[in-house]
Amino acid sequence: MLPAGVVRVWDLLVDVGTTAQCIPGAEDVQTIDAQHFSVRVKVKIGPIAVAFDCQVEIVNLDPTSRSGSFQIVGRDTRVGAGVRALSKFTIVGDEAQTIVNLNTETDISGKIAQYGHGIIRQRADATLMAFAECVRARLLAPA
């Protein structure tokens, strides 16, 4: 649960430039157009450090239902690893508190896929928790 109203949370989450700063390991966020962005994400999975050059596409944003989806395709050519993800989210709440529901389907390929679901899930969960804490801090900061 986030300590802010749905409108404020929506406005923050659809501001990709600001939101990307909360992704652990994200750097060099570039706006291509209103629906497309590029970002490099550095992360360590098991003993392998990767730097995914990602293309992000906002597939759908619906302010009326406060829902949307985005697709991420990334590749680390040095390690020979890839990631493809489709995320769908909904935002529900009132003027004081908000819940963000996020569902992501992810495919991992290449060398890092050998580490299996458990290690990748742990890294994904830790990344999501760090992202959520950063968003929470931004919402609590004075406007």
Protein backbone atom coordinates (compact mmCIF):
# COMPACT_ATOMS: atom_id res chain seq x y z
CA MET A 1 0.00 0.00 0.00
CA LEU A 2 1.34 3.42 -0.97
CA PRO A 3 0.68 6.46 1.25
CA ALA A 4 -0.74 8.68 -1.50
CA GLY A 5 -3.90 9.12 -3.53
CA VAL A 6 -4.47 7.31 -6.81
CA VAL A 7 -4.06 10.43 -8.95
CA ARG A 8 -0.65 11.22 -7.46
CA VAL A 9 0.52 7.60 -7.79
CA TRP A 10 -0.73 7.42 -11.40
CA ASP A 11 1.05 10.67 -12.30
CA LEU A 12 4.32 9.40 -10.81
CA LEU A 13 4.18 5.94 -12.40
CA VAL A 14 3.39 7.16 -15.92
CA ASP A 15 6.33 9.60 -15.78
CA VAL A 16 8.84 7.12 -17.18
CA GLY A 17 11.85 9.41 -16.72
CA THR A 18 11.18 9.75 -13.00
CA THR A 19 10.04 6.18 -12.46
CA ALA A 20 13.10 4.73 -14.23
CA GLN A 21 15.32 6.40 -11.60
CA CYS A 22 13.78 3.97 -9.10
CA ILE A 23 14.84 0.84 -11.01
CA PRO A 24 17.94 -0.59 -9.32
CA GLY A 25 20.85 -0.61 -11.77
CA ALA A 26 19.09 1.59 -14.36
CA GLU A 27 21.16 4.20 -16.14
CA ASP A 28 21.15 6.21 -19.33
CA VAL A 29 17.36 6.49 -19.73
CA GLN A 30 16.58 7.94 -23.16
CA THR A 31 13.18 9.05 -24.43
CA ILE A 32 12.69 8.01 -28.05
CA ASP A 33 9.06 9.20 -28.31
CA ALA A 34 5.98 9.24 -26.06
CA GLN A 35 5.67 5.44 -26.09
CA HIS A 36 9.28 4.28 -26.50
CA PHE A 37 12.32 4.50 -24.24
CA SER A 38 15.74 2.94 -23.99
CA VAL A 39 17.57 2.18 -20.76
CA ARG A 40 20.60 0.21 -19.67
CA VAL A 41 20.02 -1.96 -16.60
CA LYS A 42 22.97 -3.50 -14.77
CA VAL A 43 22.24 -6.43 -12.51
CA LYS A 44 24.05 -9.40 -11.02
CA ILE A 45 22.40 -12.81 -11.29
CA GLY A 46 24.34 -15.51 -9.49
CA PRO A 47 28.01 -14.87 -10.26
CA ILE A 48 27.26 -13.17 -13.60
CA ALA A 49 27.02 -9.39 -13.96
CA VAL A 50 24.95 -8.32 -16.95
CA ALA A 51 24.15 -4.97 -18.52
CA PHE A 52 20.93 -5.22 -20.50
CA ASP A 53 20.41 -2.62 -23.22
CA CYS A 54 16.63 -2.45 -23.10
CA GLN A 55 13.92 -1.07 -25.31
CA VAL A 56 10.74 -0.20 -23.41
CA GLU A 57 7.41 0.24 -25.14
CA ILE A 58 4.29 1.54 -23.41
CA VAL A 59 1.70 -0.74 -24.96
CA ASN A 60 -1.35 0.75 -23.26
CA LEU A 61 -2.18 3.43 -20.69
CA ASP A 62 -5.81 3.92 -19.66
CA PRO A 63 -6.23 6.80 -17.20
CA THR A 64 -9.95 6.03 -16.78
CA SER A 65 -9.37 2.52 -15.43
CA ARG A 66 -5.90 3.46 -14.12
CA SER A 67 -4.35 0.49 -15.86
CA GLY A 68 -1.71 -0.14 -18.44
CA SER A 69 0.90 -2.41 -19.89
CA PHE A 70 4.45 -2.14 -21.12
CA GLN A 71 6.91 -4.42 -22.86
CA ILE A 72 10.65 -4.63 -22.25
CA VAL A 73 13.14 -6.31 -24.56
CA GLY A 74 16.78 -6.32 -23.52
CA ARG A 75 20.06 -7.89 -24.55
CA ASP A 76 23.57 -8.12 -23.14
CA THR A 77 25.74 -9.04 -26.12
CA ARG A 78 28.88 -9.37 -24.00
CA VAL A 79 27.42 -12.20 -21.92
CA GLY A 80 24.96 -13.46 -24.51
CA ALA A 81 21.88 -12.99 -22.34
CA GLY A 82 18.43 -11.70 -23.12
CA VAL A 83 15.26 -10.69 -21.35
CA ARG A 84 11.74 -10.14 -22.65
CA ALA A 85 8.93 -9.07 -20.34
CA LEU A 86 5.33 -7.97 -20.59
CA SER A 87 3.99 -6.19 -17.52
CA LYS A 88 0.39 -5.26 -16.81
CA PHE A 89 -0.66 -3.06 -13.91
CA THR A 90 -3.72 -1.61 -12.25
CA ILE A 91 -3.92 1.10 -9.62
CA VAL A 92 -6.75 1.13 -7.07
CA GLY A 93 -7.35 3.28 -4.03
CA ASP A 94 -8.71 6.57 -2.84
CA GLU A 95 -7.42 10.05 -1.99
CA ALA A 96 -5.21 8.78 0.87
CA GLN A 97 -3.80 5.39 -0.09
CA THR A 98 -3.23 3.31 -3.20
CA ILE A 99 -2.45 -0.27 -4.15
CA VAL A 100 -0.56 -1.05 -7.35
CA ASN A 101 -1.15 -4.53 -8.75
CA LEU A 102 1.60 -5.67 -11.11
CA ASN A 103 1.77 -8.88 -13.12
CA THR A 104 4.84 -9.59 -15.24
CA GLU A 105 5.54 -12.47 -17.60
CA THR A 106 9.28 -12.73 -18.22
CA ASP A 107 11.44 -14.86 -20.49
CA ILE A 108 15.17 -15.07 -19.76
CA SER A 109 17.58 -16.49 -22.34
CA GLY A 110 21.25 -17.16 -22.69
CA LYS A 111 23.86 -17.82 -20.05
CA ILE A 112 21.89 -16.45 -17.09
CA ALA A 113 18.97 -18.80 -17.76
CA GLN A 114 21.11 -21.66 -16.42
CA TYR A 115 20.73 -20.35 -12.86
CA GLY A 116 17.15 -21.46 -12.74
CA HIS A 117 13.91 -20.06 -11.55
CA GLY A 118 14.84 -19.78 -7.84
CA ILE A 119 17.82 -17.46 -8.19
CA ILE A 120 16.16 -15.37 -10.89
CA ARG A 121 12.98 -15.07 -8.79
CA GLN A 122 15.01 -13.91 -5.76
CA ARG A 123 16.74 -11.22 -7.84
CA ALA A 124 13.42 -10.12 -9.38
CA ASP A 125 11.75 -9.92 -5.96
CA ALA A 126 14.65 -7.90 -4.49
CA THR A 127 14.56 -5.53 -7.48
CA LEU A 128 10.80 -5.04 -7.17
CA MET A 129 11.07 -4.35 -3.42
CA ALA A 130 13.83 -1.77 -3.97
CA PHE A 131 11.74 -0.14 -6.71
CA ALA A 132 8.66 0.01 -4.46
CA GLU A 133 10.66 1.57 -1.60
CA CYS A 134 12.04 4.24 -3.95
CA VAL A 135 8.54 5.05 -5.22
CA ARG A 136 7.27 5.22 -1.63
CA ALA A 137 10.10 7.61 -0.70
CA ARG A 138 9.29 9.86 -3.66
CA LEU A 139 5.63 9.94 -2.65
CA LEU A 140 6.53 10.86 0.94
CA ALA A 141 8.96 13.59 -0.10
CA PRO A 142 7.62 17.15 0.04
CA ALA A 143 6.18 18.21 -3.30
